[in-house]
């Protein structure tokens, strides 16, 4: 699910140049599936009765695991193999995970 964004800029000669880029509108299927599996596992474990500090620790550990995975993915992928759409999706996924899993008292946009 990609959204098209129109960008208008002024060139060095002063003429207006417009271009269109596509940006992701939703997290990747892989990230969505992992988060859904985690939610189902936590629900089965009765996470609704967990103390707040335990929930906070689970959010923090999940965020660290997601960020570590994306970091490893970037380290193992040759730079020339990362396309613009792939980079945009990775960036979207990381920002999504940060907003979703960051401590509620630290959320900034």
N, C-alpha and C. Protein backbone atom coordinates (compact mmCIF):
# COMPACT_ATOMS: atom_id res chain seq x y z
N UNK A 1 0.84 -1.17 0.00
CA UNK A 1 0.00 0.00 0.00
C UNK A 1 0.89 1.24 0.00
N UNK A 2 1.11 1.80 -1.14
CA UNK A 2 1.99 2.95 -1.29
C UNK A 2 1.17 4.18 -1.68
N UNK A 3 1.59 5.32 -1.15
CA UNK A 3 0.92 6.58 -1.47
C UNK A 3 1.82 7.39 -2.39
N UNK A 4 1.20 8.11 -3.31
CA UNK A 4 1.97 8.94 -4.24
C UNK A 4 1.99 10.37 -3.72
N UNK A 5 3.18 10.94 -3.66
CA UNK A 5 3.37 12.30 -3.17
C UNK A 5 3.96 13.15 -4.30
N UNK A 6 3.34 14.28 -4.55
CA UNK A 6 3.81 15.21 -5.57
C UNK A 6 4.76 16.21 -4.92
N UNK A 7 5.94 16.37 -5.50
CA UNK A 7 6.94 17.30 -4.97
C UNK A 7 7.24 18.35 -6.03
N UNK A 8 7.16 19.61 -5.64
CA UNK A 8 7.50 20.70 -6.55
C UNK A 8 8.69 21.45 -5.98
N UNK A 9 9.70 21.62 -6.83
CA UNK A 9 10.91 22.32 -6.42
C UNK A 9 11.27 23.34 -7.49
N UNK A 10 12.13 24.24 -7.10
CA UNK A 10 12.64 25.20 -8.07
C UNK A 10 14.05 24.79 -8.44
N UNK A 11 14.30 24.69 -9.73
CA UNK A 11 15.63 24.29 -10.19
C UNK A 11 16.60 25.45 -10.07
N UNK A 12 17.87 25.18 -10.34
CA UNK A 12 18.90 26.22 -10.26
C UNK A 12 18.64 27.33 -11.27
N UNK A 13 17.95 27.00 -12.36
CA UNK A 13 17.65 28.01 -13.38
C UNK A 13 16.39 28.79 -13.06
N UNK A 14 15.71 28.42 -11.98
CA UNK A 14 14.52 29.15 -11.56
C UNK A 14 13.21 28.56 -12.03
N UNK A 15 13.27 27.53 -12.85
CA UNK A 15 12.02 26.93 -13.31
C UNK A 15 11.52 25.89 -12.32
N UNK A 16 10.21 25.74 -12.29
CA UNK A 16 9.62 24.78 -11.36
C UNK A 16 9.72 23.37 -11.93
N UNK A 17 10.15 22.47 -11.08
CA UNK A 17 10.28 21.07 -11.46
C UNK A 17 9.40 20.27 -10.53
N UNK A 18 8.58 19.42 -11.12
CA UNK A 18 7.73 18.59 -10.26
C UNK A 18 8.05 17.13 -10.49
N UNK A 19 8.00 16.40 -9.41
CA UNK A 19 8.24 14.96 -9.49
C UNK A 19 7.29 14.27 -8.52
N UNK A 20 7.19 12.99 -8.71
CA UNK A 20 6.29 12.22 -7.87
C UNK A 20 7.07 11.05 -7.28
N UNK A 21 6.93 10.86 -5.98
CA UNK A 21 7.55 9.70 -5.35
C UNK A 21 6.46 8.90 -4.65
N UNK A 22 6.75 7.64 -4.50
CA UNK A 22 5.82 6.76 -3.78
C UNK A 22 6.42 6.45 -2.42
N UNK A 23 5.60 6.59 -1.39
CA UNK A 23 6.05 6.29 -0.03
C UNK A 23 5.13 5.23 0.58
N UNK A 24 5.67 4.42 1.47
CA UNK A 24 4.84 3.39 2.09
C UNK A 24 3.77 4.01 2.98
N UNK A 25 2.61 3.39 2.98
CA UNK A 25 1.51 3.86 3.82
C UNK A 25 1.27 2.95 5.01
N UNK A 26 1.87 1.77 4.98
CA UNK A 26 1.69 0.81 6.07
C UNK A 26 3.03 0.11 6.33
N UNK A 27 3.18 -0.48 7.52
CA UNK A 27 4.41 -1.23 7.80
C UNK A 27 4.51 -2.44 6.87
N UNK A 28 5.72 -2.95 6.72
CA UNK A 28 5.93 -4.12 5.87
C UNK A 28 5.16 -5.32 6.42
N UNK A 29 4.88 -6.24 5.54
CA UNK A 29 4.17 -7.46 5.93
C UNK A 29 4.96 -8.22 7.00
N UNK A 30 6.27 -8.26 6.86
CA UNK A 30 7.11 -8.99 7.82
C UNK A 30 6.99 -8.38 9.22
N UNK A 31 7.10 -7.06 9.33
CA UNK A 31 7.00 -6.41 10.63
C UNK A 31 5.60 -6.58 11.21
N UNK A 32 4.59 -6.42 10.37
CA UNK A 32 3.21 -6.60 10.84
C UNK A 32 2.98 -8.01 11.37
N UNK A 33 3.50 -9.01 10.67
CA UNK A 33 3.32 -10.40 11.09
C UNK A 33 4.01 -10.67 12.42
N UNK A 34 5.23 -10.16 12.58
CA UNK A 34 5.96 -10.37 13.84
C UNK A 34 5.22 -9.71 15.00
N UNK A 35 4.76 -8.48 14.80
CA UNK A 35 4.05 -7.78 15.87
C UNK A 35 2.73 -8.46 16.20
N UNK A 36 2.03 -8.96 15.17
CA UNK A 36 0.78 -9.66 15.42
C UNK A 36 1.03 -10.95 16.19
N UNK A 37 2.04 -11.71 15.81
CA UNK A 37 2.38 -12.94 16.55
C UNK A 37 2.73 -12.63 18.00
N UNK A 38 3.48 -11.56 18.21
CA UNK A 38 3.84 -11.17 19.56
C UNK A 38 2.60 -10.82 20.38
N UNK A 39 1.69 -10.06 19.79
CA UNK A 39 0.45 -9.69 20.49
C UNK A 39 -0.37 -10.92 20.86
N UNK A 40 -0.49 -11.86 19.94
CA UNK A 40 -1.25 -13.08 20.22
C UNK A 40 -0.59 -13.88 21.34
N UNK A 41 0.73 -13.98 21.32
CA UNK A 41 1.44 -14.71 22.37
C UNK A 41 1.26 -14.04 23.73
N UNK A 42 1.34 -12.72 23.75
CA UNK A 42 1.16 -12.00 25.00
C UNK A 42 -0.27 -12.13 25.53
N UNK A 43 -1.22 -12.12 24.62
CA UNK A 43 -2.62 -12.28 25.03
C UNK A 43 -2.82 -13.66 25.65
N UNK A 44 -2.26 -14.69 25.00
CA UNK A 44 -2.37 -16.05 25.54
C UNK A 44 -1.72 -16.17 26.92
N UNK A 45 -0.66 -15.39 27.13
CA UNK A 45 0.07 -15.44 28.40
C UNK A 45 -0.63 -14.62 29.49
N UNK A 46 -1.70 -13.93 29.12
CA UNK A 46 -2.42 -13.13 30.11
C UNK A 46 -1.76 -11.81 30.41
N UNK A 47 -1.19 -11.18 29.40
CA UNK A 47 -0.44 -9.94 29.60
C UNK A 47 -1.29 -8.81 30.17
N UNK A 48 -2.61 -8.92 30.06
CA UNK A 48 -3.49 -7.87 30.58
C UNK A 48 -3.39 -7.75 32.10
N UNK A 49 -2.83 -8.75 32.78
CA UNK A 49 -2.66 -8.67 34.23
C UNK A 49 -1.21 -8.41 34.63
N UNK A 50 -0.33 -8.22 33.65
CA UNK A 50 1.07 -7.94 33.95
C UNK A 50 1.19 -6.55 34.57
N UNK A 51 2.09 -6.37 35.52
CA UNK A 51 2.35 -5.03 36.07
C UNK A 51 2.90 -4.11 34.97
N UNK A 52 2.69 -2.82 35.15
CA UNK A 52 3.12 -1.84 34.16
C UNK A 52 4.62 -1.91 33.87
N UNK A 53 5.43 -2.14 34.90
CA UNK A 53 6.87 -2.18 34.67
C UNK A 53 7.28 -3.37 33.80
N UNK A 54 6.56 -4.47 33.91
CA UNK A 54 6.82 -5.64 33.06
C UNK A 54 6.43 -5.32 31.61
N UNK A 55 5.29 -4.69 31.43
CA UNK A 55 4.85 -4.31 30.08
C UNK A 55 5.84 -3.33 29.45
N UNK A 56 6.31 -2.39 30.24
CA UNK A 56 7.30 -1.42 29.75
C UNK A 56 8.58 -2.13 29.31
N UNK A 57 9.03 -3.08 30.10
CA UNK A 57 10.24 -3.83 29.77
C UNK A 57 10.04 -4.66 28.50
N UNK A 58 8.86 -5.25 28.33
CA UNK A 58 8.58 -6.03 27.11
C UNK A 58 8.58 -5.13 25.89
N UNK A 59 7.99 -3.93 26.01
CA UNK A 59 8.01 -2.98 24.90
C UNK A 59 9.44 -2.60 24.54
N UNK A 60 10.24 -2.31 25.57
CA UNK A 60 11.62 -1.90 25.34
C UNK A 60 12.42 -3.01 24.68
N UNK A 61 12.29 -4.22 25.17
CA UNK A 61 13.04 -5.35 24.60
C UNK A 61 12.59 -5.66 23.17
N UNK A 62 11.30 -5.53 22.92
CA UNK A 62 10.79 -5.75 21.56
C UNK A 62 11.34 -4.70 20.62
N UNK A 63 11.33 -3.45 21.04
CA UNK A 63 11.87 -2.37 20.21
C UNK A 63 13.35 -2.60 19.93
N UNK A 64 14.11 -2.96 20.94
CA UNK A 64 15.54 -3.23 20.74
C UNK A 64 15.76 -4.39 19.76
N UNK A 65 14.93 -5.42 19.85
CA UNK A 65 15.05 -6.56 18.94
C UNK A 65 14.73 -6.15 17.50
N UNK A 66 13.68 -5.35 17.33
CA UNK A 66 13.31 -4.88 15.98
C UNK A 66 14.42 -4.02 15.40
N UNK A 67 14.93 -3.07 16.18
CA UNK A 67 15.99 -2.19 15.70
C UNK A 67 17.26 -2.98 15.39
N UNK A 68 17.57 -3.96 16.21
CA UNK A 68 18.74 -4.80 15.98
C UNK A 68 18.60 -5.59 14.68
N UNK A 69 17.40 -6.10 14.43
CA UNK A 69 17.15 -6.86 13.20
C UNK A 69 17.35 -5.96 11.97
N UNK A 70 16.78 -4.75 12.00
CA UNK A 70 16.91 -3.86 10.86
C UNK A 70 18.36 -3.41 10.67
N UNK A 71 19.07 -3.19 11.77
CA UNK A 71 20.48 -2.84 11.68
C UNK A 71 21.28 -3.97 11.03
N UNK A 72 21.02 -5.19 11.46
CA UNK A 72 21.71 -6.35 10.88
C UNK A 72 21.37 -6.49 9.39
N UNK A 73 20.12 -6.28 9.05
CA UNK A 73 19.69 -6.36 7.65
C UNK A 73 20.46 -5.35 6.80
N UNK A 74 20.60 -4.13 7.30
CA UNK A 74 21.32 -3.10 6.56
C UNK A 74 22.81 -3.41 6.46
N UNK A 75 23.38 -3.96 7.52
CA UNK A 75 24.81 -4.31 7.49
C UNK A 75 25.10 -5.44 6.51
N UNK A 76 24.16 -6.37 6.36
CA UNK A 76 24.39 -7.54 5.51
C UNK A 76 23.98 -7.32 4.05
N UNK A 77 23.26 -6.24 3.78
CA UNK A 77 22.81 -5.98 2.42
C UNK A 77 23.78 -5.02 1.74
N UNK A 78 24.31 -5.39 0.58
CA UNK A 78 25.20 -4.47 -0.14
C UNK A 78 24.49 -3.15 -0.41
N UNK A 79 25.22 -2.06 -0.27
CA UNK A 79 24.63 -0.73 -0.40
C UNK A 79 23.93 -0.55 -1.74
N UNK A 80 24.54 -1.06 -2.81
CA UNK A 80 23.94 -0.88 -4.14
C UNK A 80 22.71 -1.77 -4.35
N UNK A 81 22.43 -2.67 -3.42
CA UNK A 81 21.25 -3.52 -3.53
C UNK A 81 20.02 -2.90 -2.86
N UNK A 82 20.24 -1.82 -2.12
CA UNK A 82 19.12 -1.17 -1.43
C UNK A 82 18.52 -0.12 -2.36
N UNK A 83 17.33 -0.40 -2.83
CA UNK A 83 16.64 0.51 -3.73
C UNK A 83 15.95 1.61 -2.92
N UNK A 84 15.53 2.66 -3.62
CA UNK A 84 14.83 3.75 -2.92
C UNK A 84 13.55 3.23 -2.25
N UNK A 85 12.71 2.44 -2.93
CA UNK A 85 11.51 1.93 -2.24
C UNK A 85 11.85 1.08 -1.02
N UNK A 86 12.90 0.28 -1.11
CA UNK A 86 13.31 -0.55 0.03
C UNK A 86 13.76 0.34 1.19
N UNK A 87 14.55 1.35 0.90
CA UNK A 87 15.03 2.26 1.95
C UNK A 87 13.86 3.00 2.60
N UNK A 88 12.90 3.43 1.79
CA UNK A 88 11.73 4.12 2.34
C UNK A 88 10.90 3.20 3.22
N UNK A 89 10.75 1.93 2.80
CA UNK A 89 9.99 0.98 3.61
C UNK A 89 10.71 0.69 4.92
N UNK A 90 12.03 0.53 4.87
CA UNK A 90 12.80 0.30 6.10
C UNK A 90 12.67 1.48 7.05
N UNK A 91 12.77 2.68 6.52
CA UNK A 91 12.63 3.88 7.34
C UNK A 91 11.23 3.95 7.96
N UNK A 92 10.21 3.67 7.14
CA UNK A 92 8.84 3.68 7.65
C UNK A 92 8.68 2.66 8.77
N UNK A 93 9.19 1.45 8.57
CA UNK A 93 9.08 0.39 9.58
C UNK A 93 9.74 0.79 10.89
N UNK A 94 10.93 1.38 10.81
CA UNK A 94 11.64 1.77 12.02
C UNK A 94 10.88 2.87 12.76
N UNK A 95 10.41 3.86 12.02
CA UNK A 95 9.63 4.94 12.66
C UNK A 95 8.33 4.39 13.26
N UNK A 96 7.69 3.48 12.56
CA UNK A 96 6.46 2.87 13.06
C UNK A 96 6.74 2.12 14.37
N UNK A 97 7.80 1.33 14.38
CA UNK A 97 8.16 0.57 15.59
C UNK A 97 8.49 1.51 16.74
N UNK A 98 9.21 2.59 16.45
CA UNK A 98 9.54 3.56 17.50
C UNK A 98 8.28 4.17 18.10
N UNK A 99 7.36 4.59 17.25
CA UNK A 99 6.13 5.20 17.74
C UNK A 99 5.25 4.20 18.49
N UNK A 100 5.23 2.98 18.03
CA UNK A 100 4.38 1.96 18.64
C UNK A 100 4.94 1.46 19.97
N UNK A 101 6.24 1.26 20.03
CA UNK A 101 6.85 0.57 21.17
C UNK A 101 7.59 1.47 22.15
N UNK A 102 7.79 2.71 21.79
CA UNK A 102 8.49 3.63 22.67
C UNK A 102 7.65 3.86 23.93
N UNK A 103 8.32 4.10 25.03
CA UNK A 103 7.62 4.38 26.29
C UNK A 103 6.64 5.52 26.09
N UNK A 104 5.46 5.40 26.66
CA UNK A 104 4.42 6.40 26.45
C UNK A 104 4.82 7.78 26.97
N UNK A 105 5.74 7.85 27.93
CA UNK A 105 6.17 9.16 28.42
C UNK A 105 7.31 9.74 27.59
N UNK A 106 7.77 9.01 26.56
CA UNK A 106 8.87 9.49 25.72
C UNK A 106 8.44 9.72 24.28
N UNK A 107 7.17 9.56 23.97
CA UNK A 107 6.72 9.64 22.58
C UNK A 107 6.79 11.08 22.09
N UNK A 108 7.50 11.24 20.97
CA UNK A 108 7.56 12.51 20.27
C UNK A 108 7.41 12.23 18.78
N UNK A 109 6.82 13.14 18.06
CA UNK A 109 6.65 12.92 16.62
C UNK A 109 7.42 13.95 15.83
